[in-house]
Amino acid sequence: MLSLTPWIPVYDRVVVPALRRFTKHEGGITLLQRIGVGLALSVATMLVSCFWLVPQLLLAGLSEAFGGIGQLEFFYRQFQENMRSVAGAIYCLGFALASYASGVMVTVVHRATRGRDGRPDWLAQDLDQGRIDLFYLVTAAIAAVNLIYFVVCARWYRFKESNGNDDGSHASADVELVPKMSASAAPV
């Protein structure tokens, strides 16, 4: 939170205007590029974490600033207005599922790396005896696979048309259900 809080205003007031000059894009970079940067930073976070804890937490905050906030902004700009609350719920559901998945991953690592000859597993209580560096490398590999999958999906994605409003509402792109009248039908 300490890295996330100051980063958001710096990003909005310094980074976005600088990027806007180069890319000519309203937000500096697209929402999918922002999420991709967040995912790439999450890979870097896992690689750095096996050496230093403070830089890991700073990178984790930046990763959340790019990925998490970019994802929420993506949901609110690309979903239809009546589906935006569902998007927020899906975002929170993703965090819940990730929490369960991380618990399963820790259990699997404990069981798979338990030494048969009395050696401790990778996540031993005594960090000097465990191999937490290998655990972080496995986590970084999983995050890298996630980044590659995201890039493949992002290349196929087509953004919803915008009417140029900066408030994030895209009324012209939303579908409006209007009954179609034939030429012979009289209005009621």
Protein backbone atom coordinates (compact mmCIF):
# COMPACT_ATOMS: atom_id res chain seq x y z
CA MET A 1 0.00 0.00 0.00
CA LEU A 2 2.90 2.36 0.68
CA SER A 3 4.13 2.08 -2.90
CA LEU A 4 0.65 1.98 -4.43
CA THR A 5 -0.65 5.15 -2.77
CA PRO A 6 2.00 7.62 -4.02
CA TRP A 7 2.33 5.88 -7.38
CA ILE A 8 -1.25 6.52 -8.55
CA PRO A 9 -0.97 10.36 -8.56
CA VAL A 10 2.53 10.18 -10.08
CA TYR A 11 1.21 7.91 -12.79
CA ASP A 12 -1.79 10.14 -13.54
CA ARG A 13 0.07 13.47 -13.41
CA VAL A 14 3.54 12.60 -14.75
CA VAL A 15 3.71 9.23 -16.52
CA VAL A 16 0.44 9.44 -18.49
CA PRO A 17 1.14 12.91 -19.96
CA ALA A 18 4.68 11.84 -20.91
CA LEU A 19 3.44 8.65 -22.55
CA ARG A 20 0.60 10.55 -24.25
CA ARG A 21 3.16 12.66 -26.13
CA PHE A 22 4.75 9.54 -27.61
CA THR A 23 1.75 7.27 -28.17
CA LYS A 24 -0.95 9.88 -28.91
CA HIS A 25 -3.28 7.67 -26.83
CA GLU A 26 -5.63 9.29 -24.31
CA GLY A 27 -4.43 7.18 -21.38
CA GLY A 28 -0.75 7.08 -22.40
CA ILE A 29 -0.99 3.34 -23.02
CA THR A 30 -4.02 1.16 -23.63
CA LEU A 31 -5.79 -0.56 -20.77
CA LEU A 32 -4.54 -3.94 -21.96
CA GLN A 33 -0.97 -2.63 -22.10
CA ARG A 34 -1.36 -1.34 -18.55
CA ILE A 35 -2.59 -4.74 -17.35
CA GLY A 36 0.29 -6.40 -19.24
CA VAL A 37 2.82 -4.14 -17.51
CA GLY A 38 1.26 -5.12 -14.19
CA LEU A 39 1.60 -8.82 -15.03
CA ALA A 40 5.21 -8.34 -16.17
CA LEU A 41 5.96 -6.53 -12.91
CA SER A 42 4.45 -9.45 -10.99
CA VAL A 43 6.96 -11.77 -12.68
CA ALA A 44 9.76 -9.36 -11.74
CA THR A 45 8.40 -9.23 -8.19
CA MET A 46 8.80 -12.98 -7.78
CA LEU A 47 12.30 -12.95 -9.26
CA VAL A 48 13.46 -10.11 -7.01
CA SER A 49 11.77 -11.48 -3.92
CA CYS A 50 14.17 -14.33 -3.44
CA PHE A 51 16.92 -11.75 -2.83
CA TRP A 52 15.39 -8.64 -1.21
CA LEU A 53 12.09 -8.12 0.55
CA VAL A 54 11.63 -4.33 0.36
CA PRO A 55 12.07 -4.07 -3.44
CA GLN A 56 9.69 -7.00 -3.78
CA LEU A 57 6.98 -5.14 -1.91
CA LEU A 58 7.57 -1.98 -3.96
CA LEU A 59 7.29 -3.97 -7.19
CA ALA A 60 4.18 -5.71 -5.87
CA GLY A 61 2.59 -2.30 -5.26
CA LEU A 62 3.48 -1.11 -8.76
CA SER A 63 2.21 -4.38 -10.20
CA GLU A 64 -1.10 -3.85 -8.43
CA ALA A 65 -1.25 -0.22 -9.60
CA PHE A 66 -0.83 -1.24 -13.22
CA GLY A 67 -2.61 -4.59 -13.25
CA GLY A 68 -5.39 -4.28 -10.70
CA ILE A 69 -6.41 -0.71 -11.35
CA GLY A 70 -6.00 -1.22 -15.09
CA GLN A 71 -8.25 -4.26 -14.91
CA LEU A 72 -10.97 -2.39 -13.00
CA GLU A 73 -10.77 0.52 -15.44
CA PHE A 74 -10.94 -1.95 -18.33
CA PHE A 75 -14.08 -3.51 -16.85
CA TYR A 76 -15.80 -0.17 -16.37
CA ARG A 77 -14.92 1.13 -19.82
CA GLN A 78 -15.50 -2.02 -21.84
CA PHE A 79 -18.53 -3.60 -20.14
CA GLN A 80 -22.04 -2.37 -20.83
CA GLU A 81 -23.32 0.01 -18.18
CA ASN A 82 -25.76 -2.52 -16.74
CA MET A 83 -22.97 -5.14 -16.43
CA ARG A 84 -20.38 -2.99 -14.59
CA SER A 85 -21.40 -4.15 -11.12
CA VAL A 86 -21.05 -7.74 -12.33
CA ALA A 87 -17.54 -6.87 -13.54
CA GLY A 88 -16.63 -5.56 -10.09
CA ALA A 89 -17.98 -8.75 -8.53
CA ILE A 90 -15.97 -10.88 -10.97
CA TYR A 91 -12.86 -8.89 -10.02
CA CYS A 92 -13.42 -9.65 -6.32
CA LEU A 93 -14.23 -13.28 -7.12
CA GLY A 94 -10.90 -13.49 -8.93
CA PHE A 95 -9.11 -12.44 -5.75
CA ALA A 96 -11.01 -15.05 -3.74
CA LEU A 97 -10.15 -17.82 -6.20
CA ALA A 98 -6.51 -16.69 -6.28
CA SER A 99 -6.42 -16.92 -2.50
CA TYR A 100 -7.65 -20.50 -2.58
CA ALA A 101 -5.26 -21.35 -5.43
CA SER A 102 -2.30 -19.98 -3.47
CA GLY A 103 -3.27 -22.16 -0.50
CA VAL A 104 -3.45 -25.20 -2.75
CA MET A 105 -0.08 -24.29 -4.27
CA VAL A 106 1.57 -24.05 -0.85
CA THR A 107 0.11 -27.44 0.12
CA VAL A 108 1.32 -29.02 -3.12
CA VAL A 109 4.82 -27.57 -2.66
CA HIS A 110 4.94 -28.83 0.94
CA ARG A 111 3.98 -32.34 -0.15
CA ALA A 112 6.07 -32.47 -3.33
CA THR A 113 9.29 -31.15 -1.81
CA ARG A 114 9.18 -32.92 1.54
CA GLY A 115 12.47 -34.73 2.01
CA ARG A 116 12.18 -38.51 2.40
CA ASP A 117 15.36 -38.60 4.44
CA GLY A 118 14.25 -36.02 7.01
CA ARG A 119 15.23 -32.97 4.96
CA PRO A 120 12.82 -30.05 5.28
CA ASP A 121 10.68 -29.00 2.35
CA TRP A 122 11.10 -25.75 0.37
CA LEU A 123 8.85 -23.84 2.76
CA ALA A 124 10.42 -24.93 6.03
CA GLN A 125 9.80 -22.99 9.23
CA ASP A 126 13.54 -22.25 9.39
CA LEU A 127 14.24 -20.24 6.24
CA ASP A 128 17.92 -21.22 6.35
CA GLN A 129 16.96 -24.86 5.87
CA GLY A 130 14.24 -24.35 3.26
CA ARG A 131 14.52 -23.42 -0.42
CA ILE A 132 12.20 -20.45 -0.62
CA ASP A 133 14.23 -19.20 -3.61
CA LEU A 134 12.99 -22.19 -5.62
CA PHE A 135 9.42 -21.55 -4.49
CA TYR A 136 9.66 -17.96 -5.77
CA LEU A 137 11.11 -19.19 -9.06
CA VAL A 138 8.18 -21.58 -9.51
CA THR A 139 5.81 -18.72 -8.70
CA ALA A 140 7.62 -16.49 -11.21
CA ALA A 141 7.30 -19.22 -13.84
CA ILE A 142 3.55 -19.47 -13.21
CA ALA A 143 3.27 -15.66 -13.44
CA ALA A 144 5.27 -15.71 -16.72
CA VAL A 145 2.90 -18.31 -18.20
CA ASN A 146 0.00 -16.09 -17.08
CA LEU A 147 1.63 -13.10 -18.81
CA ILE A 148 2.08 -15.05 -22.05
CA TYR A 149 -1.54 -16.22 -21.93
CA PHE A 150 -2.68 -12.64 -21.32
CA VAL A 151 -0.67 -11.34 -24.29
CA VAL A 152 -2.18 -13.99 -26.57
CA CYS A 153 -5.71 -13.12 -25.43
CA ALA A 154 -5.05 -9.35 -25.58
CA ARG A 155 -3.93 -9.60 -29.20
CA TRP A 156 -7.32 -11.06 -30.12
CA TYR A 157 -9.35 -8.50 -28.15
CA ARG A 158 -11.09 -5.68 -29.98
CA PHE A 159 -11.95 -2.59 -27.93
CA LYS A 160 -15.52 -1.40 -27.70
CA GLU A 161 -16.15 1.74 -29.74
CA SER A 162 -16.04 4.97 -27.77
CA ASN A 163 -17.96 8.18 -28.29
CA GLY A 164 -15.05 10.28 -27.01
CA ASN A 165 -16.37 10.93 -23.50
CA ASP A 166 -13.63 11.11 -20.90
CA ASP A 167 -15.95 10.05 -18.10
CA GLY A 168 -15.75 6.40 -19.12
CA SER A 169 -19.36 6.19 -20.27
CA HIS A 170 -19.76 4.93 -23.78
CA ALA A 171 -23.44 5.42 -24.41
CA SER A 172 -23.11 5.24 -28.20
CA ALA A 173 -21.58 1.79 -27.99
CA ASP A 174 -24.25 0.33 -25.72
CA VAL A 175 -27.04 -1.65 -27.33
CA GLU A 176 -30.46 -0.10 -27.14
CA LEU A 177 -33.47 -2.34 -27.68
CA VAL A 178 -36.00 -0.48 -29.81
CA PRO A 179 -38.90 -2.23 -31.53
CA LYS A 180 -38.50 -2.17 -35.28
CA MET A 181 -41.51 -0.87 -37.17
CA SER A 182 -42.30 -1.90 -40.69
CA ALA A 183 -43.21 0.73 -43.28
CA SER A 184 -46.84 -0.45 -43.43
CA ALA A 185 -47.34 -0.50 -39.66
CA ALA A 186 -49.01 2.52 -38.14
CA PRO A 187 -47.50 3.98 -34.98
CA VAL A 188 -49.48 3.23 -31.85
